[in-house]
Amino acid sequence: MSKIERITISMPAEMVAKISAAVDAGEYATTSEVVREAMRDWAEQQERREVALASLRAEIDKGLVGPFRDGETVMEELRQFVAKLVREQGQDEAA
């Protein structure tokens, strides 16, 4: 386990009351335990955010490389795709 270091933090009274209530209810042994869990959750959230951002950046980079298509071509492909979905939906309803 890593070295434990003592810090002092300031927070609004409402937050302190929630932390104290959790300890008083027996959900946590100490206020430090509540704060440590909150920090672990925050760190996990930050890690997920970084992974998501890296994935988005990779997709942007792929898009910047191409291939590029004009709007008319894309719209025609969309029309064909939607028409196919409509036909398939009609076949499913008829069955």
PDB file of N, CA and C in Angstrom:
ATOM      1  N   MET A   1       0.847  -1.176   0.000  1.00  0.00           N
ATOM      2  CA  MET A   1       0.000   0.000   0.000  1.00  0.00           C
ATOM      3  C   MET A   1       0.892   1.239   0.000  1.00  0.00           C
ATOM      4  N   SER A   2       0.428   2.277  -0.659  1.00  0.00           N
ATOM      5  CA  SER A   2       1.228   3.490  -0.733  1.00  0.00           C
ATOM      6  C   SER A   2       1.206   4.239   0.592  1.00  0.00           C
ATOM      7  N   LYS A   3       2.149   5.133   0.717  1.00  0.00           N
ATOM      8  CA  LYS A   3       2.302   5.923   1.933  1.00  0.00           C
ATOM      9  C   LYS A   3       1.061   6.793   2.145  1.00  0.00           C
ATOM     10  N   ILE A   4       0.569   6.841   3.376  1.00  0.00           N
ATOM     11  CA  ILE A   4      -0.580   7.671   3.726  1.00  0.00           C
ATOM     12  C   ILE A   4      -0.078   9.058   4.077  1.00  0.00           C
ATOM     13  N   GLU A   5      -0.699  10.049   3.479  1.00  0.00           N
ATOM     14  CA  GLU A   5      -0.325  11.439   3.736  1.00  0.00           C
ATOM     15  C   GLU A   5      -1.551  12.198   4.212  1.00  0.00           C
ATOM     16  N   ARG A   6      -1.389  12.984   5.247  1.00  0.00           N
ATOM     17  CA  ARG A   6      -2.502  13.753   5.798  1.00  0.00           C
ATOM     18  C   ARG A   6      -2.604  15.079   5.053  1.00  0.00           C
ATOM     19  N   ILE A   7      -3.857  15.428   4.659  1.00  0.00           N
ATOM     20  CA  ILE A   7      -4.121  16.720   4.041  1.00  0.00           C
ATOM     21  C   ILE A   7      -5.304  17.357   4.741  1.00  0.00           C
ATOM     22  N   THR A   8      -5.453  18.631   4.559  1.00  0.00           N
ATOM     23  CA  THR A   8      -6.603  19.357   5.095  1.00  0.00           C
ATOM     24  C   THR A   8      -7.377  19.921   3.914  1.00  0.00           C
ATOM     25  N   ILE A   9      -8.692  19.719   3.937  1.00  0.00           N
ATOM     26  CA  ILE A   9      -9.523  20.250   2.866  1.00  0.00           C
ATOM     27  C   ILE A   9     -10.655  21.075   3.460  1.00  0.00           C
ATOM     28  N   SER A  10     -11.167  21.983   2.663  1.00  0.00           N
ATOM     29  CA  SER A  10     -12.329  22.774   3.059  1.00  0.00           C
ATOM     30  C   SER A  10     -13.455  22.429   2.103  1.00  0.00           C
ATOM     31  N   MET A  11     -14.665  22.297   2.637  1.00  0.00           N
ATOM     32  CA  MET A  11     -15.821  22.009   1.800  1.00  0.00           C
ATOM     33  C   MET A  11     -17.060  22.608   2.431  1.00  0.00           C
ATOM     34  N   PRO A  12     -18.102  22.782   1.626  1.00  0.00           N
ATOM     35  CA  PRO A  12     -19.336  23.362   2.146  1.00  0.00           C
ATOM     36  C   PRO A  12     -19.944  22.503   3.254  1.00  0.00           C
ATOM     37  N   ALA A  13     -20.664  23.146   4.136  1.00  0.00           N
ATOM     38  CA  ALA A  13     -21.280  22.456   5.280  1.00  0.00           C
ATOM     39  C   ALA A  13     -22.204  21.330   4.829  1.00  0.00           C
ATOM     40  N   GLU A  14     -22.883  21.507   3.686  1.00  0.00           N
ATOM     41  CA  GLU A  14     -23.793  20.476   3.197  1.00  0.00           C
ATOM     42  C   GLU A  14     -23.042  19.182   2.870  1.00  0.00           C
ATOM     43  N   MET A  15     -21.853  19.333   2.282  1.00  0.00           N
ATOM     44  CA  MET A  15     -21.048  18.148   1.966  1.00  0.00           C
ATOM     45  C   MET A  15     -20.572  17.465   3.237  1.00  0.00           C
ATOM     46  N   VAL A  16     -20.133  18.267   4.185  1.00  0.00           N
ATOM     47  CA  VAL A  16     -19.667  17.716   5.459  1.00  0.00           C
ATOM     48  C   VAL A  16     -20.804  16.968   6.141  1.00  0.00           C
ATOM     49  N   ALA A  17     -22.014  17.522   6.095  1.00  0.00           N
ATOM     50  CA  ALA A  17     -23.168  16.871   6.714  1.00  0.00           C
ATOM     51  C   ALA A  17     -23.451  15.524   6.055  1.00  0.00           C
ATOM     52  N   LYS A  18     -23.338  15.453   4.724  1.00  0.00           N
ATOM     53  CA  LYS A  18     -23.570  14.190   4.028  1.00  0.00           C
ATOM     54  C   LYS A  18     -22.521  13.151   4.391  1.00  0.00           C
ATOM     55  N   ILE A  19     -21.276  13.603   4.483  1.00  0.00           N
ATOM     56  CA  ILE A  19     -20.198  12.687   4.866  1.00  0.00           C
ATOM     57  C   ILE A  19     -20.430  12.178   6.281  1.00  0.00           C
ATOM     58  N   SER A  20     -20.732  13.095   7.185  1.00  0.00           N
ATOM     59  CA  SER A  20     -20.982  12.701   8.579  1.00  0.00           C
ATOM     60  C   SER A  20     -22.164  11.755   8.684  1.00  0.00           C
ATOM     61  N   ALA A  21     -23.221  12.009   7.922  1.00  0.00           N
ATOM     62  CA  ALA A  21     -24.397  11.137   7.951  1.00  0.00           C
ATOM     63  C   ALA A  21     -24.049   9.740   7.481  1.00  0.00           C
ATOM     64  N   ALA A  22     -23.213   9.634   6.453  1.00  0.00           N
ATOM     65  CA  ALA A  22     -22.810   8.319   5.953  1.00  0.00           C
ATOM     66  C   ALA A  22     -22.015   7.564   7.011  1.00  0.00           C
ATOM     67  N   VAL A  23     -21.138   8.273   7.714  1.00  0.00           N
ATOM     68  CA  VAL A  23     -20.349   7.638   8.777  1.00  0.00           C
ATOM     69  C   VAL A  23     -21.267   7.247   9.934  1.00  0.00           C
ATOM     70  N   ASP A  24     -22.157   8.164  10.331  1.00  0.00           N
ATOM     71  CA  ASP A  24     -23.081   7.883  11.442  1.00  0.00           C
ATOM     72  C   ASP A  24     -24.004   6.710  11.132  1.00  0.00           C
ATOM     73  N   ALA A  25     -24.360   6.542   9.845  1.00  0.00           N
ATOM     74  CA  ALA A  25     -25.240   5.440   9.450  1.00  0.00           C
ATOM     75  C   ALA A  25     -24.488   4.113   9.363  1.00  0.00           C
ATOM     76  N   GLY A  26     -23.176   4.167   9.513  1.00  0.00           N
ATOM     77  CA  GLY A  26     -22.385   2.951   9.467  1.00  0.00           C
ATOM     78  C   GLY A  26     -21.988   2.533   8.059  1.00  0.00           C
ATOM     79  N   GLU A  27     -22.256   3.403   7.074  1.00  0.00           N
ATOM     80  CA  GLU A  27     -21.874   3.076   5.702  1.00  0.00           C
ATOM     81  C   GLU A  27     -20.358   3.105   5.535  1.00  0.00           C
ATOM     82  N   TYR A  28     -19.694   3.930   6.305  1.00  0.00           N
ATOM     83  CA  TYR A  28     -18.238   4.077   6.283  1.00  0.00           C
ATOM     84  C   TYR A  28     -17.750   4.151   7.722  1.00  0.00           C
ATOM     85  N   ALA A  29     -16.511   3.728   7.922  1.00  0.00           N
ATOM     86  CA  ALA A  29     -15.940   3.757   9.266  1.00  0.00           C
ATOM     87  C   ALA A  29     -15.476   5.159   9.643  1.00  0.00           C
ATOM     88  N   THR A  30     -14.950   5.910   8.659  1.00  0.00           N
ATOM     89  CA  THR A  30     -14.417   7.241   8.941  1.00  0.00           C
ATOM     90  C   THR A  30     -14.725   8.188   7.787  1.00  0.00           C
ATOM     91  N   THR A  31     -14.583   9.474   8.069  1.00  0.00           N
ATOM     92  CA  THR A  31     -14.753  10.464   6.999  1.00  0.00           C
ATOM     93  C   THR A  31     -13.662  10.299   5.946  1.00  0.00           C
ATOM     94  N   SER A  32     -12.484   9.902   6.367  1.00  0.00           N
ATOM     95  CA  SER A  32     -11.392   9.679   5.421  1.00  0.00           C
ATOM     96  C   SER A  32     -11.750   8.585   4.424  1.00  0.00           C
ATOM     97  N   GLU A  33     -12.451   7.554   4.888  1.00  0.00           N
ATOM     98  CA  GLU A  33     -12.855   6.466   4.005  1.00  0.00           C
ATOM     99  C   GLU A  33     -13.821   6.977   2.931  1.00  0.00           C
ATOM    100  N   VAL A  34     -14.724   7.874   3.312  1.00  0.00           N
ATOM    101  CA  VAL A  34     -15.662   8.460   2.351  1.00  0.00           C
ATOM    102  C   VAL A  34     -14.891   9.235   1.288  1.00  0.00           C
ATOM    103  N   VAL A  35     -13.958  10.053   1.724  1.00  0.00           N
ATOM    104  CA  VAL A  35     -13.196  10.883   0.788  1.00  0.00           C
ATOM    105  C   VAL A  35     -12.321  10.018  -0.109  1.00  0.00           C
ATOM    106  N   ARG A  36     -11.709   8.969   0.438  1.00  0.00           N
ATOM    107  CA  ARG A  36     -10.890   8.073  -0.384  1.00  0.00           C
ATOM    108  C   ARG A  36     -11.727   7.399  -1.465  1.00  0.00           C
ATOM    109  N   GLU A  37     -12.940   6.942  -1.090  1.00  0.00           N
ATOM    110  CA  GLU A  37     -13.797   6.321  -2.103  1.00  0.00           C
ATOM    111  C   GLU A  37     -14.195   7.337  -3.177  1.00  0.00           C
ATOM    112  N   ALA A  38     -14.500   8.556  -2.762  1.00  0.00           N
ATOM    113  CA  ALA A  38     -14.853   9.595  -3.734  1.00  0.00           C
ATOM    114  C   ALA A  38     -13.686   9.859  -4.678  1.00  0.00           C
ATOM    115  N   MET A  39     -12.487   9.869  -4.168  1.00  0.00           N
ATOM    116  CA  MET A  39     -11.309  10.090  -5.002  1.00  0.00           C
ATOM    117  C   MET A  39     -11.078   8.928  -5.963  1.00  0.00           C
ATOM    118  N   ARG A  40     -11.300   7.697  -5.488  1.00  0.00           N
ATOM    119  CA  ARG A  40     -11.167   6.538  -6.381  1.00  0.00           C
ATOM    120  C   ARG A  40     -12.186   6.630  -7.515  1.00  0.00           C
ATOM    121  N   ASP A  41     -13.428   6.981  -7.165  1.00  0.00           N
ATOM    122  CA  ASP A  41     -14.469   7.128  -8.191  1.00  0.00           C
ATOM    123  C   ASP A  41     -14.098   8.224  -9.184  1.00  0.00           C
ATOM    124  N   TRP A  42     -13.599   9.347  -8.682  1.00  0.00           N
ATOM    125  CA  TRP A  42     -13.202  10.456  -9.546  1.00  0.00           C
ATOM    126  C   TRP A  42     -12.067  10.029 -10.481  1.00  0.00           C
ATOM    127  N   ALA A  43     -11.087   9.323  -9.926  1.00  0.00           N
ATOM    128  CA  ALA A  43      -9.944   8.879 -10.730  1.00  0.00           C
ATOM    129  C   ALA A  43     -10.401   7.919 -11.831  1.00  0.00           C
ATOM    130  N   GLU A  44     -11.337   7.014 -11.512  1.00  0.00           N
ATOM    131  CA  GLU A  44     -11.857   6.095 -12.521  1.00  0.00           C
ATOM    132  C   GLU A  44     -12.611   6.860 -13.604  1.00  0.00           C
ATOM    133  N   GLN A  45     -13.383   7.852 -13.204  1.00  0.00           N
ATOM    134  CA  GLN A  45     -14.123   8.668 -14.158  1.00  0.00           C
ATOM    135  C   GLN A  45     -13.156   9.412 -15.082  1.00  0.00           C
ATOM    136  N   GLN A  46     -12.100   9.952 -14.531  1.00  0.00           N
ATOM    137  CA  GLN A  46     -11.100  10.655 -15.331  1.00  0.00           C
ATOM    138  C   GLN A  46     -10.433   9.707 -16.321  1.00  0.00           C
ATOM    139  N   GLU A  47     -10.148   8.486 -15.869  1.00  0.00           N
ATOM    140  CA  GLU A  47      -9.514   7.503 -16.750  1.00  0.00           C
ATOM    141  C   GLU A  47     -10.455   7.134 -17.898  1.00  0.00           C
ATOM    142  N   ARG A  48     -11.750   6.905 -17.587  1.00  0.00           N
ATOM    143  CA  ARG A  48     -12.724   6.610 -18.644  1.00  0.00           C
ATOM    144  C   ARG A  48     -12.832   7.778 -19.619  1.00  0.00           C
ATOM    145  N   ARG A  49     -12.785   8.987 -19.103  1.00  0.00           N
ATOM    146  CA  ARG A  49     -12.864  10.180 -19.947  1.00  0.00           C
ATOM    147  C   ARG A  49     -11.671  10.244 -20.888  1.00  0.00           C
ATOM    148  N   GLU A  50     -10.486   9.979 -20.388  1.00  0.00           N
ATOM    149  CA  GLU A  50      -9.284  10.008 -21.209  1.00  0.00           C
ATOM    150  C   GLU A  50      -9.330   8.933 -22.297  1.00  0.00           C
ATOM    151  N   VAL A  51      -9.826   7.742 -21.956  1.00  0.00           N
ATOM    152  CA  VAL A  51      -9.950   6.672 -22.947  1.00  0.00           C
ATOM    153  C   VAL A  51     -10.943   7.087 -24.029  1.00  0.00           C
ATOM    154  N   ALA A  52     -12.073   7.666 -23.621  1.00  0.00           N
ATOM    155  CA  ALA A  52     -13.077   8.112 -24.588  1.00  0.00           C
ATOM    156  C   ALA A  52     -12.517   9.214 -25.480  1.00  0.00           C
ATOM    157  N   LEU A  53     -11.792  10.155 -24.889  1.00  0.00           N
ATOM    158  CA  LEU A  53     -11.206  11.231 -25.689  1.00  0.00           C
ATOM    159  C   LEU A  53     -10.174  10.691 -26.674  1.00  0.00           C
ATOM    160  N   ALA A  54      -9.372   9.743 -26.250  1.00  0.00           N
ATOM    161  CA  ALA A  54      -8.387   9.147 -27.149  1.00  0.00           C
ATOM    162  C   ALA A  54      -9.079   8.450 -28.309  1.00  0.00           C
ATOM    163  N   SER A  55     -10.180   7.763 -28.017  1.00  0.00           N
ATOM    164  CA  SER A  55     -10.931   7.098 -29.069  1.00  0.00           C
ATOM    165  C   SER A  55     -11.518   8.114 -30.045  1.00  0.00           C
ATOM    166  N   LEU A  56     -12.074   9.197 -29.521  1.00  0.00           N
ATOM    167  CA  LEU A  56     -12.617  10.241 -30.387  1.00  0.00           C
ATOM    168  C   LEU A  56     -11.529  10.878 -31.244  1.00  0.00           C
ATOM    169  N   ARG A  57     -10.383  11.128 -30.633  1.00  0.00           N
ATOM    170  CA  ARG A  57      -9.274  11.717 -31.394  1.00  0.00           C
ATOM    171  C   ARG A  57      -8.827  10.783 -32.524  1.00  0.00           C
ATOM    172  N   ALA A  58      -8.805   9.493 -32.240  1.00  0.00           N
ATOM    173  CA  ALA A  58      -8.418   8.519 -33.265  1.00  0.00           C
ATOM    174  C   ALA A  58      -9.431   8.527 -34.406  1.00  0.00           C
ATOM    175  N   GLU A  59     -10.715   8.612 -34.086  1.00  0.00           N
ATOM    176  CA  GLU A  59     -11.748   8.654 -35.127  1.00  0.00           C
ATOM    177  C   GLU A  59     -11.634   9.940 -35.947  1.00  0.00           C
ATOM    178  N   ILE A  60     -11.347  11.047 -35.291  1.00  0.00           N
ATOM    179  CA  ILE A  60     -11.157  12.316 -36.010  1.00  0.00           C
ATOM    180  C   ILE A  60      -9.965  12.201 -36.949  1.00  0.00           C
ATOM    181  N   ASP A  61      -8.879  11.630 -36.457  1.00  0.00           N
ATOM    182  CA  ASP A  61      -7.690  11.462 -37.299  1.00  0.00           C
ATOM    183  C   ASP A  61      -7.999  10.590 -38.517  1.00  0.00           C
ATOM    184  N   LYS A  62      -8.770   9.515 -38.309  1.00  0.00           N
ATOM    185  CA  LYS A  62      -9.146   8.666 -39.442  1.00  0.00           C
ATOM    186  C   LYS A  62      -9.987   9.460 -40.435  1.00  0.00           C
ATOM    187  N   GLY A  63     -10.878  10.288 -39.936  1.00  0.00           N
ATOM    188  CA  GLY A  63     -11.726  11.079 -40.816  1.00  0.00           C
ATOM    189  C   GLY A  63     -10.956  12.116 -41.600  1.00  0.00           C
ATOM    190  N   LEU A  64      -9.923  12.647 -41.008  1.00  0.00           N
ATOM    191  CA  LEU A  64      -9.121  13.661 -41.689  1.00  0.00           C
ATOM    192  C   LEU A  64      -8.311  13.081 -42.849  1.00  0.00           C
ATOM    193  N   VAL A  65      -8.050  11.780 -42.784  1.00  0.00           N
ATOM    194  CA  VAL A  65      -7.286  11.111 -43.834  1.00  0.00           C
ATOM    195  C   VAL A  65      -8.165  10.861 -45.063  1.00  0.00           C
ATOM    196  N   GLY A  66      -9.462  10.686 -44.854  1.00  0.00           N
ATOM    197  CA  GLY A  66     -10.366  10.434 -45.979  1.00  0.00           C
ATOM    198  C   GLY A  66     -10.774   8.987 -46.014  1.00  0.00           C
ATOM    199  N   PRO A  67     -11.452   8.506 -46.987  1.00  0.00           N
ATOM    200  CA  PRO A  67     -11.783   9.188 -48.246  1.00  0.00           C
ATOM    201  C   PRO A  67     -12.887  10.216 -48.032  1.00  0.00           C
ATOM    202  N   PHE A  68     -12.903  11.213 -48.902  1.00  0.00           N
ATOM    203  CA  PHE A  68     -13.893  12.262 -48.827  1.00  0.00           C
ATOM    204  C   PHE A  68     -14.912  12.056 -49.930  1.00  0.00           C
ATOM    205  N   ARG A  69     -16.172  12.330 -49.614  1.00  0.00           N
ATOM    206  CA  ARG A  69     -17.237  12.209 -50.609  1.00  0.00           C
ATOM    207  C   ARG A  69     -18.062  13.483 -50.590  1.00  0.00           C
ATOM    208  N   ASP A  70     -18.611  13.804 -51.737  1.00  0.00           N
ATOM    209  CA  ASP A  70     -19.418  15.021 -51.808  1.00  0.00           C
ATOM    210  C   ASP A  70     -20.785  14.763 -51.177  1.00  0.00           C
ATOM    211  N   GLY A  71     -21.468  15.843 -50.836  1.00  0.00           N
ATOM    212  CA  GLY A  71     -22.750  15.766 -50.149  1.00  0.00           C
ATOM    213  C   GLY A  71     -23.816  15.044 -50.943  1.00  0.00           C
ATOM    214  N   GLU A  72     -23.847  15.255 -52.252  1.00  0.00           N
ATOM    215  CA  GLU A  72     -24.856  14.596 -53.078  1.00  0.00           C
ATOM    216  C   GLU A  72     -24.717  13.081 -53.025  1.00  0.00           C
ATOM    217  N   THR A  73     -23.488  12.605 -53.050  1.00  0.00           N
ATOM    218  CA  THR A  73     -23.251  11.162 -52.982  1.00  0.00           C
ATOM    219  C   THR A  73     -23.714  10.614 -51.639  1.00  0.00           C
ATOM    220  N   VAL A  74     -23.376  11.290 -50.572  1.00  0.00           N
ATOM    221  CA  VAL A  74     -23.767  10.841 -49.232  1.00  0.00           C
ATOM    222  C   VAL A  74     -25.284  10.837 -49.101  1.00  0.00           C
ATOM    223  N   MET A  75     -25.952  11.893 -49.586  1.00  0.00           N
ATOM    224  CA  MET A  75     -27.412  11.961 -49.500  1.00  0.00           C
ATOM    225  C   MET A  75     -28.059  10.831 -50.305  1.00  0.00           C
ATOM    226  N   GLU A  76     -27.530  10.509 -51.463  1.00  0.00           N
ATOM    227  CA  GLU A  76     -28.083   9.413 -52.266  1.00  0.00           C
ATOM    228  C   GLU A  76     -27.916   8.086 -51.539  1.00  0.00           C
ATOM    229  N   GLU A  77     -26.757   7.882 -50.928  1.00  0.00           N
ATOM    230  CA  GLU A  77     -26.538   6.654 -50.154  1.00  0.00           C
ATOM    231  C   GLU A  77     -27.520   6.576 -48.991  1.00  0.00           C
ATOM    232  N   LEU A  78     -27.763   7.701 -48.331  1.00  0.00           N
ATOM    233  CA  LEU A  78     -28.731   7.726 -47.227  1.00  0.00           C
ATOM    234  C   LEU A  78     -30.137   7.414 -47.728  1.00  0.00           C
ATOM    235  N   ARG A  79     -30.534   7.980 -48.860  1.00  0.00           N
ATOM    236  CA  ARG A  79     -31.858   7.708 -49.421  1.00  0.00           C
ATOM    237  C   ARG A  79     -32.017   6.211 -49.719  1.00  0.00           C
ATOM    238  N   GLN A  80     -30.994   5.627 -50.306  1.00  0.00           N
ATOM    239  CA  GLN A  80     -31.043   4.201 -50.627  1.00  0.00           C
ATOM    240  C   GLN A  80     -31.114   3.357 -49.349  1.00  0.00           C
ATOM    241  N   PHE A  81     -30.350   3.752 -48.353  1.00  0.00           N
ATOM    242  CA  PHE A  81     -30.339   3.028 -47.088  1.00  0.00           C
ATOM    243  C   PHE A  81     -31.710   3.081 -46.423  1.00  0.00           C
ATOM    244  N   VAL A  82     -32.311   4.279 -46.374  1.00  0.00           N
ATOM    245  CA  VAL A  82     -33.632   4.435 -45.762  1.00  0.00           C
ATOM    246  C   VAL A  82     -34.677   3.660 -46.560  1.00  0.00           C
ATOM    247  N   ALA A  83     -34.614   3.708 -47.883  1.00  0.00           N
ATOM    248  CA  ALA A  83     -35.557   2.962 -48.713  1.00  0.00           C
ATOM    249  C   ALA A  83     -35.455   1.466 -48.431  1.00  0.00           C
ATOM    250  N   LYS A  84     -34.240   0.982 -48.258  1.00  0.00           N
ATOM    251  CA  LYS A  84     -34.029  -0.433 -47.941  1.00  0.00           C
ATOM    252  C   LYS A  84     -34.645  -0.768 -46.586  1.00  0.00           C
ATOM    253  N   LEU A  85     -34.453   0.091 -45.603  1.00  0.00           N
ATOM    254  CA  LEU A  85     -35.038  -0.139 -44.279  1.00  0.00           C
ATOM    255  C   LEU A  85     -36.559  -0.166 -44.356  1.00  0.00           C
ATOM    256  N   VAL A  86     -37.132   0.740 -45.134  1.00  0.00           N
ATOM    257  CA  VAL A  86     -38.587   0.794 -45.278  1.00  0.00           C
ATOM    258  C   VAL A  86     -39.093  -0.499 -45.929  1.00  0.00           C
ATOM    259  N   ARG A  87     -38.410  -0.960 -46.984  1.00  0.00           N
ATOM    260  CA  ARG A  87     -38.804  -2.202 -47.644  1.00  0.00           C
ATOM    261  C   ARG A  87     -38.729  -3.380 -46.678  1.00  0.00           C
ATOM    262  N   GLU A  88     -37.636  -3.444 -45.921  1.00  0.00           N
ATOM    263  CA  GLU A  88     -37.459  -4.544 -44.959  1.00  0.00           C
ATOM    264  C   GLU A  88     -38.529  -4.490 -43.887  1.00  0.00           C
ATOM    265  N   GLN A  89     -38.853  -3.310 -43.414  1.00  0.00           N
ATOM    266  CA  GLN A  89     -39.888  -3.148 -42.396  1.00  0.00           C
ATOM    267  C   GLN A  89     -41.231  -3.627 -42.920  1.00  0.00           C
ATOM    268  N   GLY A  90     -41.515  -3.287 -44.189  1.00  0.00           N
ATOM    269  CA  GLY A  90     -42.753  -3.722 -44.811  1.00  0.00           C
ATOM    270  C   GLY A  90     -42.828  -5.235 -44.930  1.00  0.00           C
ATOM    271  N   GLN A  91     -41.705  -5.865 -45.240  1.00  0.00           N
ATOM    272  CA  GLN A  91     -41.658  -7.326 -45.355  1.00  0.00           C
ATOM    273  C   GLN A  91     -41.862  -7.973 -43.990  1.00  0.00           C
ATOM    274  N   ASP A  92     -41.270  -7.368 -42.936  1.00  0.00           N
ATOM    275  CA  ASP A  92     -41.417  -7.919 -41.583  1.00  0.00           C
ATOM    276  C   ASP A  92     -42.865  -7.838 -41.127  1.00  0.00           C
ATOM    277  N   GLU A  93     -43.561  -6.751 -41.463  1.00  0.00           N
ATOM    278  CA  GLU A  93     -44.940  -6.567 -41.048  1.00  0.00           C
ATOM    279  C   GLU A  93     -45.863  -7.504 -41.814  1.00  0.00           C
ATOM    280  N   ALA A  94     -45.513  -7.809 -43.076  1.00  0.00           N
ATOM    281  CA  ALA A  94     -46.340  -8.696 -43.887  1.00  0.00           C
ATOM    282  C   ALA A  94     -46.213 -10.141 -43.440  1.00  0.00           C
ATOM    283  N   ALA A  95     -45.108 -10.479 -42.806  1.00  0.00           N
ATOM    284  CA  ALA A  95     -44.854 -11.877 -42.406  1.00  0.00           C
ATOM    285  C   ALA A  95     -45.616 -12.293 -41.188  1.00  0.00           C
TER     286      ALA A  95
END
